[in-house]
Amino acid sequence: MLLSDYVKVSKVSVEDMLYDEQDILRSMDKIEIVQTHQPRHIREKLFTDVIHSTISQDKYWASHPDE
């Protein structure tokens, strides 16, 4: 919602804005909450593969145990 606030208080002219408040509200409808290891198919690619190719969450948490 910080982005929405930024659009409201920005001093950029309307013509120069990349998006407006309505664009932000429409994008909010597309956000979906997923669990850490929940498989999600997006464009024929498994979402968890994308995450794990960037950083293995299991390796991260193994080296950062709960205190």
Protein backbone atom coordinates (compact mmCIF):
# COMPACT_ATOMS: atom_id res chain seq x y z
CA MET A 1 0.00 0.00 0.00
CA LEU A 2 3.04 2.25 0.16
CA LEU A 3 2.93 2.41 -3.60
CA SER A 4 -0.64 3.65 -3.47
CA ASP A 5 0.35 6.38 -1.01
CA TYR A 6 3.26 7.36 -3.22
CA VAL A 7 0.97 7.80 -6.22
CA LYS A 8 -1.35 10.01 -4.16
CA VAL A 9 1.35 12.35 -2.83
CA SER A 10 3.70 12.30 -5.81
CA LYS A 11 4.41 15.62 -7.48
CA VAL A 12 4.81 13.98 -10.89
CA SER A 13 2.38 15.21 -13.50
CA VAL A 14 -0.43 12.87 -14.47
CA GLU A 15 0.98 12.50 -17.99
CA ASP A 16 4.37 11.37 -16.64
CA MET A 17 3.04 8.78 -14.21
CA LEU A 18 3.70 5.17 -15.15
CA TYR A 19 0.58 4.03 -13.32
CA ASP A 20 -2.26 5.52 -11.37
CA GLU A 21 -4.20 4.46 -8.30
CA GLN A 22 -6.64 2.38 -10.37
CA ASP A 23 -3.72 0.42 -11.87
CA ILE A 24 -2.52 -0.41 -8.37
CA LEU A 25 -5.97 -1.48 -7.22
CA ARG A 26 -6.37 -3.73 -10.28
CA SER A 27 -2.99 -5.34 -9.61
CA MET A 28 -3.98 -6.07 -6.00
CA ASP A 29 -6.70 -8.40 -7.31
CA LYS A 30 -4.02 -10.56 -8.95
CA ILE A 31 -1.96 -11.13 -5.80
CA GLU A 32 -2.26 -14.64 -4.43
CA ILE A 33 -0.86 -15.77 -1.09
CA VAL A 34 1.07 -19.05 -1.22
CA GLN A 35 2.75 -21.10 1.48
CA THR A 36 6.54 -21.58 1.56
CA HIS A 37 6.64 -25.00 -0.15
CA GLN A 38 3.28 -24.88 -1.89
CA PRO A 39 3.67 -25.84 -5.56
CA ARG A 40 2.13 -23.33 -7.98
CA HIS A 41 2.04 -23.75 -11.74
CA ILE A 42 2.61 -20.46 -13.51
CA ARG A 43 3.21 -20.37 -17.25
CA GLU A 44 4.16 -24.04 -17.38
CA LYS A 45 6.85 -23.45 -14.74
CA LEU A 46 6.63 -24.68 -11.20
CA PHE A 47 6.74 -21.62 -8.94
CA THR A 48 8.74 -23.39 -6.25
CA ASP A 49 11.46 -24.16 -8.84
CA VAL A 50 11.88 -20.44 -9.46
CA ILE A 51 12.24 -19.72 -5.76
CA HIS A 52 14.62 -22.60 -5.10
CA SER A 53 16.81 -21.76 -8.07
CA THR A 54 17.30 -18.29 -6.59
CA ILE A 55 17.86 -19.33 -2.97
CA SER A 56 17.22 -22.61 -1.26
CA GLN A 57 15.00 -21.79 1.67
CA ASP A 58 15.89 -25.08 3.36
CA LYS A 59 19.61 -24.24 3.24
CA TYR A 60 18.92 -20.73 4.49
CA TRP A 61 16.91 -21.84 7.51
CA ALA A 62 19.38 -24.65 8.29
CA SER A 63 22.12 -22.05 8.68
CA HIS A 64 19.82 -19.65 10.60
CA PRO A 65 18.24 -21.80 13.33
CA ASP A 66 15.63 -20.43 15.69
CA GLU A 67 17.09 -18.93 18.82
